[in-house]
Amino acid sequence: MICNQCFRKFSPFKSHFRREERKEELGRLFHAGNANDENNFSGGEKDLQENEEDEEDKVENMKQSLALYLLKTKELNQLSHQALNSILENTSDLVESSLESLKDKIKSCLTANGLELGDINGLTDVLQQPSPFLQAKGHLAT
């Protein structure tokens, strides 16, 4: 870590050095978390238990990603807890409204092709489930 900042006293230098170290560590954690996220696109049939495990994994991965996002955002921008909560709420609103829009488009496509939600086994359940983001946010809000 090399920068061109100068300090007249040791205390500000020490604070700066620690802050930069934390930023680098958060960056490494964030990139390591993203590198470990591998999507499984197997096309075979899965039983209910495997689907539930997949959902738990999705929520757990989302919790980790969201926690890293919040820590990195807070540290890099030196935000207060109140500001971070506001970012989390606004991000949540954005994600959830985007998902609702996508669900509406899926329903419109089905209708345009003469299909109903009930015509496709399990689709109604999938569209009614809370998103992994919302579930992860609930755990991190505390």
N, C-alpha and C. Protein backbone atom coordinates (compact mmCIF):
# COMPACT_ATOMS: atom_id res chain seq x y z
N MET A 1 0.84 -1.17 0.00
CA MET A 1 0.00 0.00 0.00
C MET A 1 0.89 1.24 0.00
N ILE A 2 0.89 1.94 -1.12
CA ILE A 2 1.70 3.15 -1.23
C ILE A 2 0.79 4.28 -1.69
N CYS A 3 0.87 5.39 -0.96
CA CYS A 3 0.12 6.58 -1.39
C CYS A 3 1.02 7.79 -1.20
N ASN A 4 0.59 8.91 -1.69
CA ASN A 4 1.41 10.12 -1.65
C ASN A 4 1.02 11.08 -0.55
N GLN A 5 0.25 10.63 0.43
CA GLN A 5 -0.17 11.52 1.50
C GLN A 5 0.96 11.70 2.50
N CYS A 6 1.05 12.90 3.05
CA CYS A 6 2.05 13.23 4.07
C CYS A 6 1.34 13.57 5.37
N PHE A 7 1.96 13.23 6.46
CA PHE A 7 1.38 13.49 7.77
C PHE A 7 2.44 14.13 8.66
N ARG A 8 2.04 15.13 9.43
CA ARG A 8 2.98 15.81 10.32
C ARG A 8 3.08 15.09 11.66
N LYS A 9 2.02 14.35 12.00
CA LYS A 9 2.01 13.63 13.27
C LYS A 9 1.76 12.15 13.00
N PHE A 10 2.21 11.34 13.95
CA PHE A 10 2.11 9.90 13.78
C PHE A 10 0.66 9.41 13.89
N SER A 11 -0.13 9.99 14.77
CA SER A 11 -1.50 9.51 15.01
C SER A 11 -2.37 9.53 13.75
N PRO A 12 -2.40 10.63 13.00
CA PRO A 12 -3.19 10.62 11.75
C PRO A 12 -2.67 9.61 10.74
N PHE A 13 -1.33 9.46 10.68
CA PHE A 13 -0.75 8.46 9.79
C PHE A 13 -1.21 7.06 10.18
N LYS A 14 -1.16 6.77 11.45
CA LYS A 14 -1.57 5.45 11.96
C LYS A 14 -3.03 5.18 11.62
N SER A 15 -3.89 6.17 11.83
CA SER A 15 -5.31 6.02 11.50
C SER A 15 -5.51 5.77 10.01
N HIS A 16 -4.80 6.56 9.20
CA HIS A 16 -4.89 6.40 7.75
C HIS A 16 -4.42 5.00 7.33
N PHE A 17 -3.32 4.58 7.89
CA PHE A 17 -2.76 3.27 7.55
C PHE A 17 -3.74 2.15 7.89
N ARG A 18 -4.32 2.21 9.08
CA ARG A 18 -5.29 1.18 9.49
C ARG A 18 -6.52 1.19 8.59
N ARG A 19 -7.02 2.38 8.26
CA ARG A 19 -8.20 2.50 7.40
C ARG A 19 -7.92 1.90 6.02
N GLU A 20 -6.74 2.18 5.48
CA GLU A 20 -6.39 1.64 4.17
C GLU A 20 -6.22 0.12 4.22
N GLU A 21 -5.67 -0.39 5.30
CA GLU A 21 -5.54 -1.84 5.46
C GLU A 21 -6.91 -2.50 5.48
N ARG A 22 -7.86 -1.89 6.21
CA ARG A 22 -9.22 -2.44 6.26
C ARG A 22 -9.89 -2.41 4.90
N LYS A 23 -9.67 -1.35 4.15
CA LYS A 23 -10.23 -1.26 2.80
C LYS A 23 -9.70 -2.40 1.93
N GLU A 24 -8.39 -2.62 2.02
CA GLU A 24 -7.78 -3.69 1.22
C GLU A 24 -8.32 -5.06 1.64
N GLU A 25 -8.45 -5.28 2.94
CA GLU A 25 -8.96 -6.56 3.43
C GLU A 25 -10.40 -6.78 2.98
N LEU A 26 -11.23 -5.74 3.07
CA LEU A 26 -12.61 -5.86 2.60
C LEU A 26 -12.64 -6.14 1.10
N GLY A 27 -11.76 -5.49 0.36
CA GLY A 27 -11.69 -5.73 -1.08
C GLY A 27 -11.32 -7.17 -1.38
N ARG A 28 -10.35 -7.72 -0.64
CA ARG A 28 -9.96 -9.12 -0.83
C ARG A 28 -11.12 -10.05 -0.48
N LEU A 29 -11.79 -9.77 0.65
CA LEU A 29 -12.93 -10.60 1.04
C LEU A 29 -14.04 -10.54 0.00
N PHE A 30 -14.31 -9.33 -0.49
CA PHE A 30 -15.37 -9.14 -1.47
C PHE A 30 -15.06 -9.90 -2.75
N HIS A 31 -13.83 -9.78 -3.23
CA HIS A 31 -13.46 -10.47 -4.46
C HIS A 31 -13.40 -11.97 -4.27
N ALA A 32 -12.96 -12.42 -3.11
CA ALA A 32 -12.93 -13.87 -2.83
C ALA A 32 -14.35 -14.42 -2.76
N GLY A 33 -15.27 -13.65 -2.17
CA GLY A 33 -16.67 -14.09 -2.10
C GLY A 33 -17.28 -14.19 -3.48
N ASN A 34 -16.97 -13.24 -4.36
CA ASN A 34 -17.50 -13.29 -5.72
C ASN A 34 -16.90 -14.43 -6.52
N ALA A 35 -15.62 -14.72 -6.29
CA ALA A 35 -14.96 -15.79 -7.03
C ALA A 35 -15.50 -17.16 -6.63
N ASN A 36 -15.96 -17.28 -5.38
CA ASN A 36 -16.47 -18.56 -4.91
C ASN A 36 -17.92 -18.82 -5.31
N ASP A 37 -18.60 -17.81 -5.81
CA ASP A 37 -20.00 -17.99 -6.22
C ASP A 37 -20.04 -18.69 -7.56
N GLU A 38 -20.36 -19.96 -7.55
CA GLU A 38 -20.48 -20.72 -8.79
C GLU A 38 -21.93 -21.11 -8.96
N ASN A 39 -22.46 -20.86 -10.13
CA ASN A 39 -23.85 -21.21 -10.40
C ASN A 39 -23.93 -22.63 -10.90
N ASN A 40 -24.94 -23.36 -10.43
CA ASN A 40 -25.15 -24.73 -10.86
C ASN A 40 -26.36 -24.76 -11.77
N PHE A 41 -26.13 -25.01 -13.05
CA PHE A 41 -27.21 -25.01 -14.02
C PHE A 41 -27.51 -26.41 -14.53
N SER A 42 -27.51 -27.39 -13.64
CA SER A 42 -27.83 -28.75 -14.09
C SER A 42 -29.30 -28.80 -14.47
N GLY A 43 -29.58 -29.44 -15.57
CA GLY A 43 -30.93 -29.45 -16.09
C GLY A 43 -31.76 -30.61 -15.60
N GLY A 44 -31.24 -31.46 -14.73
CA GLY A 44 -31.97 -32.62 -14.27
C GLY A 44 -33.05 -32.26 -13.26
N GLU A 45 -33.94 -33.24 -12.99
CA GLU A 45 -34.99 -33.06 -12.00
C GLU A 45 -34.39 -33.11 -10.61
N LYS A 46 -34.86 -32.25 -9.72
CA LYS A 46 -34.40 -32.25 -8.33
C LYS A 46 -35.59 -32.52 -7.44
N ASP A 47 -35.36 -33.24 -6.36
CA ASP A 47 -36.47 -33.46 -5.45
C ASP A 47 -36.64 -32.26 -4.54
N LEU A 48 -37.70 -32.27 -3.74
CA LEU A 48 -38.06 -31.13 -2.92
C LEU A 48 -36.96 -30.79 -1.92
N GLN A 49 -36.34 -31.79 -1.33
CA GLN A 49 -35.29 -31.54 -0.34
C GLN A 49 -34.11 -30.81 -0.97
N GLU A 50 -33.70 -31.22 -2.16
CA GLU A 50 -32.59 -30.55 -2.84
C GLU A 50 -32.95 -29.12 -3.17
N ASN A 51 -34.20 -28.87 -3.58
CA ASN A 51 -34.63 -27.50 -3.87
C ASN A 51 -34.58 -26.64 -2.62
N GLU A 52 -35.00 -27.20 -1.49
CA GLU A 52 -34.96 -26.45 -0.24
C GLU A 52 -33.52 -26.14 0.15
N GLU A 53 -32.61 -27.10 -0.05
CA GLU A 53 -31.19 -26.86 0.23
C GLU A 53 -30.64 -25.79 -0.69
N ASP A 54 -31.03 -25.83 -1.96
CA ASP A 54 -30.58 -24.80 -2.90
C ASP A 54 -31.05 -23.42 -2.45
N GLU A 55 -32.29 -23.32 -2.01
CA GLU A 55 -32.82 -22.05 -1.53
C GLU A 55 -32.06 -21.57 -0.30
N GLU A 56 -31.76 -22.48 0.62
CA GLU A 56 -30.98 -22.11 1.80
C GLU A 56 -29.59 -21.63 1.40
N ASP A 57 -28.99 -22.30 0.42
CA ASP A 57 -27.67 -21.88 -0.07
C ASP A 57 -27.74 -20.50 -0.71
N LYS A 58 -28.80 -20.26 -1.47
CA LYS A 58 -28.97 -18.96 -2.12
C LYS A 58 -29.08 -17.85 -1.08
N VAL A 59 -29.88 -18.11 -0.04
CA VAL A 59 -30.05 -17.11 1.02
C VAL A 59 -28.73 -16.91 1.75
N GLU A 60 -28.03 -17.99 2.06
CA GLU A 60 -26.75 -17.89 2.75
C GLU A 60 -25.73 -17.12 1.91
N ASN A 61 -25.65 -17.43 0.62
CA ASN A 61 -24.75 -16.70 -0.28
C ASN A 61 -25.14 -15.23 -0.38
N MET A 62 -26.45 -14.98 -0.42
CA MET A 62 -26.90 -13.59 -0.49
C MET A 62 -26.56 -12.84 0.80
N LYS A 63 -26.71 -13.52 1.95
CA LYS A 63 -26.34 -12.89 3.23
C LYS A 63 -24.87 -12.49 3.22
N GLN A 64 -24.02 -13.40 2.77
CA GLN A 64 -22.59 -13.13 2.73
C GLN A 64 -22.28 -11.97 1.77
N SER A 65 -22.85 -12.01 0.59
CA SER A 65 -22.61 -10.94 -0.39
C SER A 65 -23.12 -9.60 0.10
N LEU A 66 -24.30 -9.61 0.70
CA LEU A 66 -24.88 -8.37 1.19
C LEU A 66 -24.08 -7.81 2.36
N ALA A 67 -23.64 -8.68 3.26
CA ALA A 67 -22.83 -8.24 4.39
C ALA A 67 -21.51 -7.62 3.91
N LEU A 68 -20.88 -8.27 2.94
CA LEU A 68 -19.63 -7.72 2.39
C LEU A 68 -19.88 -6.39 1.69
N TYR A 69 -20.96 -6.31 0.95
CA TYR A 69 -21.33 -5.06 0.27
C TYR A 69 -21.50 -3.93 1.29
N LEU A 70 -22.24 -4.22 2.37
CA LEU A 70 -22.50 -3.19 3.37
C LEU A 70 -21.21 -2.79 4.11
N LEU A 71 -20.39 -3.77 4.47
CA LEU A 71 -19.14 -3.46 5.16
C LEU A 71 -18.21 -2.63 4.27
N LYS A 72 -18.13 -3.04 3.03
CA LYS A 72 -17.25 -2.32 2.09
C LYS A 72 -17.77 -0.90 1.86
N THR A 73 -19.06 -0.76 1.67
CA THR A 73 -19.66 0.56 1.45
C THR A 73 -19.45 1.45 2.67
N LYS A 74 -19.66 0.90 3.85
CA LYS A 74 -19.49 1.68 5.08
C LYS A 74 -18.04 2.11 5.25
N GLU A 75 -17.12 1.18 5.07
CA GLU A 75 -15.70 1.47 5.28
C GLU A 75 -15.15 2.43 4.24
N LEU A 76 -15.44 2.19 2.98
CA LEU A 76 -14.89 3.05 1.92
C LEU A 76 -15.43 4.47 1.99
N ASN A 77 -16.65 4.62 2.45
CA ASN A 77 -17.27 5.94 2.48
C ASN A 77 -17.37 6.53 3.88
N GLN A 78 -16.85 5.80 4.86
CA GLN A 78 -16.89 6.23 6.26
C GLN A 78 -18.30 6.68 6.66
N LEU A 79 -19.25 5.78 6.46
CA LEU A 79 -20.65 6.08 6.71
C LEU A 79 -21.07 5.73 8.13
N SER A 80 -22.05 6.44 8.62
CA SER A 80 -22.63 6.12 9.92
C SER A 80 -23.55 4.91 9.78
N HIS A 81 -23.89 4.32 10.89
CA HIS A 81 -24.80 3.18 10.89
C HIS A 81 -26.17 3.60 10.32
N GLN A 82 -26.60 4.80 10.65
CA GLN A 82 -27.88 5.31 10.15
C GLN A 82 -27.85 5.46 8.62
N ALA A 83 -26.76 5.97 8.09
CA ALA A 83 -26.64 6.12 6.64
C ALA A 83 -26.62 4.75 5.96
N LEU A 84 -25.94 3.80 6.58
CA LEU A 84 -25.87 2.45 6.02
C LEU A 84 -27.26 1.80 6.01
N ASN A 85 -28.02 1.99 7.07
CA ASN A 85 -29.39 1.46 7.11
C ASN A 85 -30.25 2.07 6.01
N SER A 86 -30.05 3.36 5.76
CA SER A 86 -30.80 4.03 4.70
C SER A 86 -30.44 3.45 3.33
N ILE A 87 -29.16 3.20 3.10
CA ILE A 87 -28.72 2.59 1.85
C ILE A 87 -29.33 1.20 1.70
N LEU A 88 -29.34 0.43 2.78
CA LEU A 88 -29.91 -0.91 2.75
C LEU A 88 -31.40 -0.87 2.40
N GLU A 89 -32.14 0.04 3.00
CA GLU A 89 -33.57 0.16 2.72
C GLU A 89 -33.82 0.58 1.28
N ASN A 90 -33.07 1.58 0.80
CA ASN A 90 -33.25 2.05 -0.56
C ASN A 90 -32.86 0.98 -1.58
N THR A 91 -31.80 0.25 -1.29
CA THR A 91 -31.38 -0.84 -2.18
C THR A 91 -32.44 -1.93 -2.19
N SER A 92 -32.99 -2.21 -1.01
CA SER A 92 -34.04 -3.22 -0.90
C SER A 92 -35.25 -2.84 -1.73
N ASP A 93 -35.65 -1.58 -1.64
CA ASP A 93 -36.79 -1.11 -2.44
C ASP A 93 -36.52 -1.27 -3.92
N LEU A 94 -35.32 -0.94 -4.35
CA LEU A 94 -34.95 -1.04 -5.75
C LEU A 94 -34.97 -2.50 -6.23
N VAL A 95 -34.35 -3.38 -5.45
CA VAL A 95 -34.31 -4.80 -5.82
C VAL A 95 -35.71 -5.39 -5.87
N GLU A 96 -36.50 -5.14 -4.85
CA GLU A 96 -37.84 -5.72 -4.79
C GLU A 96 -38.76 -5.18 -5.88
N SER A 97 -38.66 -3.89 -6.20
CA SER A 97 -39.50 -3.35 -7.28
C SER A 97 -39.07 -3.92 -8.63
N SER A 98 -37.77 -4.15 -8.80
CA SER A 98 -37.28 -4.78 -10.03
C SER A 98 -37.80 -6.20 -10.17
N LEU A 99 -37.79 -6.94 -9.07
CA LEU A 99 -38.30 -8.32 -9.08
C LEU A 99 -39.79 -8.35 -9.37
N GLU A 100 -40.53 -7.43 -8.79
CA GLU A 100 -41.98 -7.37 -9.04
C GLU A 100 -42.25 -7.07 -10.51
N SER A 101 -41.46 -6.17 -11.07
CA SER A 101 -41.60 -5.85 -12.50
C SER A 101 -41.31 -7.09 -13.35
N LEU A 102 -40.29 -7.83 -13.00
CA LEU A 102 -39.95 -9.05 -13.73
C LEU A 102 -41.07 -10.08 -13.62
N LYS A 103 -41.63 -10.24 -12.44
CA LYS A 103 -42.73 -11.18 -12.24
C LYS A 103 -43.94 -10.79 -13.08
N ASP A 104 -44.22 -9.48 -13.14
CA ASP A 104 -45.33 -9.00 -13.97
C ASP A 104 -45.09 -9.29 -15.44
N LYS A 105 -43.85 -9.14 -15.89
CA LYS A 105 -43.52 -9.44 -17.29
C LYS A 105 -43.68 -10.93 -17.59
N ILE A 106 -43.30 -11.77 -16.65
CA ILE A 106 -43.47 -13.22 -16.82
C ILE A 106 -44.95 -13.55 -16.97
N LYS A 107 -45.77 -12.95 -16.11
CA LYS A 107 -47.22 -13.19 -16.18
C LYS A 107 -47.79 -12.70 -17.50
N SER A 108 -47.33 -11.55 -17.97
CA SER A 108 -47.80 -11.01 -19.25
C SER A 108 -47.42 -11.92 -20.41
N CYS A 109 -46.20 -12.44 -20.38
CA CYS A 109 -45.75 -13.35 -21.44
C CYS A 109 -46.59 -14.62 -21.45
N LEU A 110 -46.88 -15.13 -20.28
CA LEU A 110 -47.71 -16.33 -20.20
C LEU A 110 -49.09 -16.06 -20.78
N THR A 111 -49.68 -14.95 -20.37
CA THR A 111 -51.01 -14.60 -20.85
C THR A 111 -51.02 -14.39 -22.37
N ALA A 112 -49.98 -13.73 -22.87
CA ALA A 112 -49.88 -13.49 -24.32
C ALA A 112 -49.78 -14.79 -25.10
N ASN A 113 -49.30 -15.85 -24.45
CA ASN A 113 -49.18 -17.15 -25.11
C ASN A 113 -50.30 -18.11 -24.72
N GLY A 114 -51.35 -17.54 -24.13
CA GLY A 114 -52.53 -18.35 -23.80
C GLY A 114 -52.33 -19.27 -22.60
N LEU A 115 -51.42 -18.93 -21.73
CA LEU A 115 -51.17 -19.76 -20.55
C LEU A 115 -51.51 -19.00 -19.27
N GLU A 116 -51.79 -19.75 -18.24
CA GLU A 116 -52.02 -19.19 -16.91
C GLU A 116 -50.90 -19.67 -16.00
N LEU A 117 -50.71 -18.98 -14.89
CA LEU A 117 -49.68 -19.39 -13.94
C LEU A 117 -49.85 -20.85 -13.51
N GLY A 118 -51.08 -21.24 -13.28
CA GLY A 118 -51.37 -22.60 -12.83
C GLY A 118 -51.07 -23.67 -13.86
N ASP A 119 -50.92 -23.26 -15.12
CA ASP A 119 -50.64 -24.24 -16.18
C ASP A 119 -49.22 -24.79 -16.08
N ILE A 120 -48.34 -24.06 -15.42
CA ILE A 120 -46.95 -24.49 -15.29
C ILE A 120 -46.72 -24.90 -13.84
N ASN A 121 -46.46 -26.18 -13.66
CA ASN A 121 -46.33 -26.75 -12.33
C ASN A 121 -45.26 -26.03 -11.50
N GLY A 122 -45.66 -25.50 -10.35
CA GLY A 122 -44.73 -24.89 -9.41
C GLY A 122 -44.44 -23.42 -9.63
N LEU A 123 -44.87 -22.85 -10.75
CA LEU A 123 -44.53 -21.46 -11.05
C LEU A 123 -45.19 -20.48 -10.07
N THR A 124 -46.43 -20.75 -9.70
CA THR A 124 -47.10 -19.88 -8.74
C THR A 124 -46.33 -19.83 -7.43
N ASP A 125 -45.87 -20.98 -6.96
CA ASP A 125 -45.10 -21.04 -5.71
C ASP A 125 -43.79 -20.26 -5.83
N VAL A 126 -43.12 -20.42 -6.96
CA VAL A 126 -41.84 -19.74 -7.17
C VAL A 126 -42.05 -18.23 -7.14
N LEU A 127 -43.07 -17.75 -7.82
CA LEU A 127 -43.30 -16.30 -7.90
C LEU A 127 -43.79 -15.70 -6.58
N GLN A 128 -44.32 -16.54 -5.70
CA GLN A 128 -44.79 -16.03 -4.41
C GLN A 128 -43.73 -16.08 -3.31
N GLN A 129 -42.65 -16.79 -3.55
CA GLN A 129 -41.59 -16.88 -2.54
C GLN A 129 -40.91 -15.53 -2.36
N PRO A 130 -40.54 -15.23 -1.11
CA PRO A 130 -39.74 -14.01 -0.91
C PRO A 130 -38.37 -14.20 -1.56
N SER A 131 -37.83 -13.13 -2.05
CA SER A 131 -36.53 -13.22 -2.73
C SER A 131 -35.42 -13.53 -1.74
N PRO A 132 -34.34 -14.17 -2.21
CA PRO A 132 -33.18 -14.39 -1.33
C PRO A 132 -32.64 -13.08 -0.76
N PHE A 133 -32.73 -12.00 -1.54
CA PHE A 133 -32.27 -10.69 -1.05
C PHE A 133 -33.09 -10.26 0.16
N LEU A 134 -34.40 -10.36 0.06
CA LEU A 134 -35.27 -9.95 1.16
C LEU A 134 -35.03 -10.80 2.40
N GLN A 135 -34.85 -12.10 2.20
CA GLN A 135 -34.58 -12.99 3.33
C GLN A 135 -33.23 -12.66 3.97
N ALA A 136 -32.22 -12.40 3.16
CA ALA A 136 -30.89 -12.07 3.69
C ALA A 136 -30.93 -10.73 4.41
N LYS A 137 -31.65 -9.77 3.85
CA LYS A 137 -31.76 -8.46 4.46
C LYS A 137 -32.39 -8.56 5.84
N GLY A 138 -33.37 -9.44 5.98
CA GLY A 138 -34.02 -9.62 7.28
C GLY A 138 -33.04 -10.08 8.35
N HIS A 139 -32.09 -10.90 7.96
CA HIS A 139 -31.09 -11.38 8.91
C HIS A 139 -30.06 -10.30 9.24
N LEU A 140 -29.77 -9.44 8.28
CA LEU A 140 -28.73 -8.43 8.48
C LEU A 140 -29.26 -7.16 9.10
N ALA A 141 -30.57 -6.96 9.06
CA ALA A 141 -31.14 -5.72 9.56
C ALA A 141 -30.90 -5.57 11.06
N THR A 142 -30.73 -6.67 11.75
CA THR A 142 -30.48 -6.59 13.19
C THR A 142 -29.01 -6.35 13.44
